[in-house]
PDB file of N, CA and C in Angstrom:
ATOM      1  N   MET A   1      55.914 103.702 152.099  1.00  0.00           N
ATOM      2  CA  MET A   1      56.819 102.872 152.674  1.00  0.00           C
ATOM      3  C   MET A   1      56.322 101.457 152.754  1.00  0.00           C
ATOM      4  N   GLN A   2      57.243 100.575 152.607  1.00  0.00           N
ATOM      5  CA  GLN A   2      56.907  99.245 152.589  1.00  0.00           C
ATOM      6  C   GLN A   2      57.191  98.663 153.987  1.00  0.00           C
ATOM      7  N   ASP A   3      56.132  97.731 154.481  1.00  0.00           N
ATOM      8  CA  ASP A   3      56.666  97.041 155.817  1.00  0.00           C
ATOM      9  C   ASP A   3      57.001  95.706 155.464  1.00  0.00           C
ATOM     10  N   TRP A   4      58.325  95.137 155.803  1.00  0.00           N
ATOM     11  CA  TRP A   4      59.028  94.249 155.523  1.00  0.00           C
ATOM     12  C   TRP A   4      58.825  93.166 156.610  1.00  0.00           C
ATOM     13  N   ALA A   5      58.082  93.382 157.862  1.00  0.00           N
ATOM     14  CA  ALA A   5      58.186  92.614 158.866  1.00  0.00           C
ATOM     15  C   ALA A   5      57.525  91.387 158.530  1.00  0.00           C
ATOM     16  N   GLY A   6      56.338  91.420 157.825  1.00  0.00           N
ATOM     17  CA  GLY A   6      55.481  90.120 157.408  1.00  0.00           C
ATOM     18  C   GLY A   6      56.239  89.163 156.593  1.00  0.00           C
ATOM     19  N   VAL A   7      57.698  89.732 156.143  1.00  0.00           N
ATOM     20  CA  VAL A   7      58.381  88.605 155.415  1.00  0.00           C
ATOM     21  C   VAL A   7      59.561  88.303 156.105  1.00  0.00           C
ATOM     22  N   PHE A   8      60.371  88.933 156.802  1.00  0.00           N
ATOM     23  CA  PHE A   8      61.524  88.701 157.649  1.00  0.00           C
ATOM     24  C   PHE A   8      61.132  87.739 158.873  1.00  0.00           C
ATOM     25  N   ILE A   9      60.078  88.234 159.495  1.00  0.00           N
ATOM     26  CA  ILE A   9      59.680  87.579 160.817  1.00  0.00           C
ATOM     27  C   ILE A   9      59.288  86.088 160.652  1.00  0.00           C
ATOM     28  N   PRO A  10      58.271  85.676 159.650  1.00  0.00           N
ATOM     29  CA  PRO A  10      58.167  84.376 159.331  1.00  0.00           C
ATOM     30  C   PRO A  10      59.345  83.557 158.840  1.00  0.00           C
ATOM     31  N   LEU A  11      60.154  84.272 157.988  1.00  0.00           N
ATOM     32  CA  LEU A  11      61.357  83.636 157.560  1.00  0.00           C
ATOM     33  C   LEU A  11      62.275  83.116 158.637  1.00  0.00           C
ATOM     34  N   VAL A  12      62.609  84.085 159.471  1.00  0.00           N
ATOM     35  CA  VAL A  12      63.502  83.903 160.511  1.00  0.00           C
ATOM     36  C   VAL A  12      62.770  82.626 161.408  1.00  0.00           C
ATOM     37  N   LEU A  13      61.507  82.976 161.669  1.00  0.00           N
ATOM     38  CA  LEU A  13      60.957  81.899 162.749  1.00  0.00           C
ATOM     39  C   LEU A  13      60.762  80.600 161.993  1.00  0.00           C
ATOM     40  N   PHE A  14      60.622  80.505 160.677  1.00  0.00           N
ATOM     41  CA  PHE A  14      60.592  79.139 159.906  1.00  0.00           C
ATOM     42  C   PHE A  14      61.977  78.481 159.960  1.00  0.00           C
ATOM     43  N   ILE A  15      63.125  79.114 159.752  1.00  0.00           N
ATOM     44  CA  ILE A  15      64.297  78.664 160.051  1.00  0.00           C
ATOM     45  C   ILE A  15      64.554  78.196 161.247  1.00  0.00           C
ATOM     46  N   LEU A  16      64.260  78.944 162.384  1.00  0.00           N
ATOM     47  CA  LEU A  16      64.689  78.786 163.508  1.00  0.00           C
ATOM     48  C   LEU A  16      63.937  77.377 164.307  1.00  0.00           C
ATOM     49  N   LEU A  17      62.642  77.427 163.725  1.00  0.00           N
ATOM     50  CA  LEU A  17      61.660  76.519 164.461  1.00  0.00           C
ATOM     51  C   LEU A  17      61.264  75.228 163.387  1.00  0.00           C
ATOM     52  N   SER A  18      62.316  74.975 162.356  1.00  0.00           N
ATOM     53  CA  SER A  18      62.022  73.988 161.730  1.00  0.00           C
ATOM     54  C   SER A  18      62.438  72.713 162.661  1.00  0.00           C
ATOM     55  N   PRO A  19      61.442  71.469 162.702  1.00  0.00           N
ATOM     56  CA  PRO A  19      61.664  70.419 163.642  1.00  0.00           C
ATOM     57  C   PRO A  19      62.919  69.763 163.403  1.00  0.00           C
ATOM     58  N   GLY A  20      63.828  69.477 164.476  1.00  0.00           N
ATOM     59  CA  GLY A  20      64.930  68.902 164.139  1.00  0.00           C
ATOM     60  C   GLY A  20      66.207  69.679 163.637  1.00  0.00           C
ATOM     61  N   LEU A  21      66.161  70.840 163.495  1.00  0.00           N
ATOM     62  CA  LEU A  21      67.214  71.629 163.044  1.00  0.00           C
ATOM     63  C   LEU A  21      67.961  72.021 164.148  1.00  0.00           C
ATOM     64  N   LEU A  22      67.415  72.939 165.137  1.00  0.00           N
ATOM     65  CA  LEU A  22      67.838  73.235 166.053  1.00  0.00           C
ATOM     66  C   LEU A  22      67.698  72.410 167.549  1.00  0.00           C
ATOM     67  N   PHE A  23      66.327  72.149 167.416  1.00  0.00           N
ATOM     68  CA  PHE A  23      65.620  71.503 168.536  1.00  0.00           C
ATOM     69  C   PHE A  23      64.379  70.643 168.062  1.00  0.00           C
ATOM     70  N   GLN A  24      64.065  69.629 168.723  1.00  0.00           N
ATOM     71  CA  GLN A  24      62.636  68.963 168.354  1.00  0.00           C
ATOM     72  C   GLN A  24      61.855  68.579 169.599  1.00  0.00           C
ATOM     73  N   ILE A  25      60.549  69.227 169.597  1.00  0.00           N
ATOM     74  CA  ILE A  25      59.766  69.018 170.898  1.00  0.00           C
ATOM     75  C   ILE A  25      58.392  68.440 170.232  1.00  0.00           C
ATOM     76  N   PRO A  26      58.169  67.167 170.650  1.00  0.00           N
ATOM     77  CA  PRO A  26      58.803  66.353 171.800  1.00  0.00           C
ATOM     78  C   PRO A  26      59.834  65.465 170.912  1.00  0.00           C
ATOM     79  N   GLY A  27      60.858  64.893 171.621  1.00  0.00           N
ATOM     80  CA  GLY A  27      62.016  64.363 170.936  1.00  0.00           C
ATOM     81  C   GLY A  27      61.390  62.761 170.674  1.00  0.00           C
ATOM     82  N   LYS A  28      62.201  61.726 170.257  1.00  0.00           N
ATOM     83  CA  LYS A  28      62.004  60.275 170.307  1.00  0.00           C
ATOM     84  C   LYS A  28      62.161  59.874 171.732  1.00  0.00           C
ATOM     85  N   CYS A  29      63.162  60.194 172.462  1.00  0.00           N
ATOM     86  CA  CYS A  29      63.602  59.691 173.638  1.00  0.00           C
ATOM     87  C   CYS A  29      63.357  60.533 174.860  1.00  0.00           C
ATOM     88  N   ARG A  30      63.440  61.723 174.579  1.00  0.00           N
ATOM     89  CA  ARG A  30      63.408  62.839 175.677  1.00  0.00           C
ATOM     90  C   ARG A  30      62.189  63.962 175.151  1.00  0.00           C
ATOM     91  N   ILE A  31      61.804  64.937 176.107  1.00  0.00           N
ATOM     92  CA  ILE A  31      60.813  65.707 175.754  1.00  0.00           C
ATOM     93  C   ILE A  31      61.504  66.774 174.684  1.00  0.00           C
ATOM     94  N   ILE A  32      62.555  67.295 174.910  1.00  0.00           N
ATOM     95  CA  ILE A  32      63.346  68.115 173.871  1.00  0.00           C
ATOM     96  C   ILE A  32      64.704  67.506 173.550  1.00  0.00           C
ATOM     97  N   GLU A  33      64.886  67.493 172.289  1.00  0.00           N
ATOM     98  CA  GLU A  33      66.179  66.931 171.763  1.00  0.00           C
ATOM     99  C   GLU A  33      66.886  68.240 170.757  1.00  0.00           C
ATOM    100  N   PHE A  34      68.108  68.123 170.999  1.00  0.00           N
ATOM    101  CA  PHE A  34      68.879  69.201 170.222  1.00  0.00           C
ATOM    102  C   PHE A  34      69.526  68.831 168.863  1.00  0.00           C
ATOM    103  N   GLY A  35      69.517  69.323 167.785  1.00  0.00           N
ATOM    104  CA  GLY A  35      70.316  68.856 166.661  1.00  0.00           C
ATOM    105  C   GLY A  35      70.333  67.659 166.302  1.00  0.00           C
ATOM    106  N   ASN A  36      69.192  66.814 166.332  1.00  0.00           N
ATOM    107  CA  ASN A  36      68.952  65.300 165.804  1.00  0.00           C
ATOM    108  C   ASN A  36      68.677  65.278 164.492  1.00  0.00           C
ATOM    109  N   PHE A  37      68.095  66.362 163.649  1.00  0.00           N
ATOM    110  CA  PHE A  37      67.910  66.259 162.153  1.00  0.00           C
ATOM    111  C   PHE A  37      66.821  65.189 161.882  1.00  0.00           C
ATOM    112  N   HIS A  38      65.817  64.797 163.054  1.00  0.00           N
ATOM    113  CA  HIS A  38      64.825  63.895 162.664  1.00  0.00           C
ATOM    114  C   HIS A  38      63.638  64.662 162.939  1.00  0.00           C
ATOM    115  N   THR A  39      62.476  64.329 162.380  1.00  0.00           N
ATOM    116  CA  THR A  39      61.158  64.721 162.971  1.00  0.00           C
ATOM    117  C   THR A  39      60.050  63.815 162.883  1.00  0.00           C
ATOM    118  N   SER A  40      58.873  64.191 163.408  1.00  0.00           N
ATOM    119  CA  SER A  40      57.798  62.996 163.564  1.00  0.00           C
ATOM    120  C   SER A  40      56.547  64.027 163.410  1.00  0.00           C
ATOM    121  N   ALA A  41      55.453  63.460 163.175  1.00  0.00           N
ATOM    122  CA  ALA A  41      54.032  64.052 162.737  1.00  0.00           C
ATOM    123  C   ALA A  41      53.861  64.925 164.018  1.00  0.00           C
ATOM    124  N   VAL A  42      54.032  64.350 165.294  1.00  0.00           N
ATOM    125  CA  VAL A  42      53.639  65.199 166.474  1.00  0.00           C
ATOM    126  C   VAL A  42      54.747  66.700 166.761  1.00  0.00           C
ATOM    127  N   SER A  43      55.848  66.316 166.243  1.00  0.00           N
ATOM    128  CA  SER A  43      56.727  67.408 166.542  1.00  0.00           C
ATOM    129  C   SER A  43      56.360  68.419 165.504  1.00  0.00           C
ATOM    130  N   ILE A  44      56.060  68.233 164.305  1.00  0.00           N
ATOM    131  CA  ILE A  44      55.608  69.021 163.187  1.00  0.00           C
ATOM    132  C   ILE A  44      54.295  69.734 163.425  1.00  0.00           C
ATOM    133  N   ILE A  45      53.505  69.220 164.345  1.00  0.00           N
ATOM    134  CA  ILE A  45      52.291  69.916 164.799  1.00  0.00           C
ATOM    135  C   ILE A  45      52.688  70.990 166.000  1.00  0.00           C
ATOM    136  N   VAL A  46      53.478  70.530 166.808  1.00  0.00           N
ATOM    137  CA  VAL A  46      54.027  71.315 167.923  1.00  0.00           C
ATOM    138  C   VAL A  46      54.699  72.438 167.418  1.00  0.00           C
ATOM    139  N   HIS A  47      55.656  72.249 166.674  1.00  0.00           N
ATOM    140  CA  HIS A  47      56.519  73.499 165.940  1.00  0.00           C
ATOM    141  C   HIS A  47      55.655  74.264 165.316  1.00  0.00           C
ATOM    142  N   SER A  48      54.437  73.983 164.346  1.00  0.00           N
ATOM    143  CA  SER A  48      53.652  74.527 163.757  1.00  0.00           C
ATOM    144  C   SER A  48      52.782  75.679 164.646  1.00  0.00           C
ATOM    145  N   VAL A  49      52.202  74.838 165.825  1.00  0.00           N
ATOM    146  CA  VAL A  49      51.618  75.928 166.804  1.00  0.00           C
ATOM    147  C   VAL A  49      52.588  77.023 167.216  1.00  0.00           C
ATOM    148  N   ILE A  50      53.676  76.716 167.554  1.00  0.00           N
ATOM    149  CA  ILE A  50      54.653  77.619 168.247  1.00  0.00           C
ATOM    150  C   ILE A  50      54.910  78.462 167.121  1.00  0.00           C
ATOM    151  N   PHE A  51      55.172  78.438 165.821  1.00  0.00           N
ATOM    152  CA  PHE A  51      55.463  79.261 164.916  1.00  0.00           C
ATOM    153  C   PHE A  51      54.265  80.143 164.694  1.00  0.00           C
ATOM    154  N   PHE A  52      53.090  79.707 164.430  1.00  0.00           N
ATOM    155  CA  PHE A  52      51.998  80.473 164.506  1.00  0.00           C
ATOM    156  C   PHE A  52      51.647  81.276 165.688  1.00  0.00           C
ATOM    157  N   SER A  53      51.905  80.911 166.672  1.00  0.00           N
ATOM    158  CA  SER A  53      51.937  81.685 167.884  1.00  0.00           C
ATOM    159  C   SER A  53      53.015  82.913 168.033  1.00  0.00           C
ATOM    160  N   PHE A  54      54.261  82.704 167.736  1.00  0.00           N
ATOM    161  CA  PHE A  54      55.210  83.695 167.716  1.00  0.00           C
ATOM    162  C   PHE A  54      54.882  84.675 166.626  1.00  0.00           C
ATOM    163  N   ALA A  55      54.537  84.356 165.405  1.00  0.00           N
ATOM    164  CA  ALA A  55      54.172  85.033 164.362  1.00  0.00           C
ATOM    165  C   ALA A  55      52.913  86.012 164.742  1.00  0.00           C
ATOM    166  N   ALA A  56      52.148  85.606 165.329  1.00  0.00           N
ATOM    167  CA  ALA A  56      51.227  86.183 165.766  1.00  0.00           C
ATOM    168  C   ALA A  56      51.356  87.410 166.742  1.00  0.00           C
ATOM    169  N   ILE A  57      52.264  87.094 167.901  1.00  0.00           N
ATOM    170  CA  ILE A  57      52.681  87.761 168.633  1.00  0.00           C
ATOM    171  C   ILE A  57      53.476  88.661 168.196  1.00  0.00           C
ATOM    172  N   PHE A  58      54.321  88.620 167.270  1.00  0.00           N
ATOM    173  CA  PHE A  58      55.379  89.590 166.738  1.00  0.00           C
ATOM    174  C   PHE A  58      54.781  90.518 165.829  1.00  0.00           C
ATOM    175  N   LEU A  59      53.623  89.961 165.076  1.00  0.00           N
ATOM    176  CA  LEU A  59      53.194  90.855 163.713  1.00  0.00           C
ATOM    177  C   LEU A  59      51.858  91.567 164.392  1.00  0.00           C
ATOM    178  N   ILE A  60      50.945  90.906 165.289  1.00  0.00           N
ATOM    179  CA  ILE A  60      49.635  91.575 165.598  1.00  0.00           C
ATOM    180  C   ILE A  60      49.743  92.223 166.933  1.00  0.00           C
ATOM    181  N   ALA A  61      50.172  91.346 168.061  1.00  0.00           N
ATOM    182  CA  ALA A  61      50.323  91.957 169.288  1.00  0.00           C
ATOM    183  C   ALA A  61      51.171  92.975 169.862  1.00  0.00           C
ATOM    184  N   VAL A  62      52.405  92.513 168.978  1.00  0.00           N
ATOM    185  CA  VAL A  62      53.579  93.914 169.604  1.00  0.00           C
ATOM    186  C   VAL A  62      53.493  94.809 168.357  1.00  0.00           C
ATOM    187  N   GLY A  63      53.117  94.536 167.096  1.00  0.00           N
ATOM    188  CA  GLY A  63      53.290  95.515 166.088  1.00  0.00           C
ATOM    189  C   GLY A  63      54.584  95.750 165.617  1.00  0.00           C
ATOM    190  N   VAL A  64      55.511  94.757 165.196  1.00  0.00           N
ATOM    191  CA  VAL A  64      56.798  94.975 164.904  1.00  0.00           C
ATOM    192  C   VAL A  64      56.693  95.439 163.402  1.00  0.00           C
ATOM    193  N   HIS A  65      57.361  96.377 163.095  1.00  0.00           N
ATOM    194  CA  HIS A  65      57.455  97.237 161.420  1.00  0.00           C
ATOM    195  C   HIS A  65      59.034  97.128 161.179  1.00  0.00           C
ATOM    196  N   ILE A  66      59.032  96.825 160.071  1.00  0.00           N
ATOM    197  CA  ILE A  66      60.551  96.969 159.464  1.00  0.00           C
ATOM    198  C   ILE A  66      60.354  97.907 158.284  1.00  0.00           C
ATOM    199  N   ASP A  67      60.952  99.048 158.174  1.00  0.00           N
ATOM    200  CA  ASP A  67      60.980  99.828 156.900  1.00  0.00           C
ATOM    201  C   ASP A  67      62.230  99.949 156.495  1.00  0.00           C
ATOM    202  N   LEU A  68      62.399  99.676 155.094  1.00  0.00           N
ATOM    203  CA  LEU A  68      63.604  99.630 154.326  1.00  0.00           C
ATOM    204  C   LEU A  68      63.645 101.032 153.530  1.00  0.00           C
ATOM    205  N   GLY A  69      64.678 101.586 153.297  1.00  0.00           N
ATOM    206  CA  GLY A  69      64.702 102.478 152.382  1.00  0.00           C
ATOM    207  C   GLY A  69      64.745 103.921 153.127  1.00  0.00           C
ATOM    208  N   PRO A  70      64.802 104.864 152.231  1.00  0.00           N
ATOM    209  CA  PRO A  70      64.832 106.222 152.723  1.00  0.00           C
ATOM    210  C   PRO A  70      63.445 106.736 153.185  1.00  0.00           C
TER     211      PRO A  70
END
């Protein structure tokens, strides 16, 4: 059996946590801004920390497994 959780979970998190796509923490004028398609160095660092935290929680702590096929 192949475990695809290591591929799908980071892919989905990367898409959802891209700075400026859905939201940006911290924003330029507010703490959080939605859909502004801009980014900064601080928001890249914050989103990277959030990404790796969620990836570690889902893959290591919770132990999510996705098996495809029979």
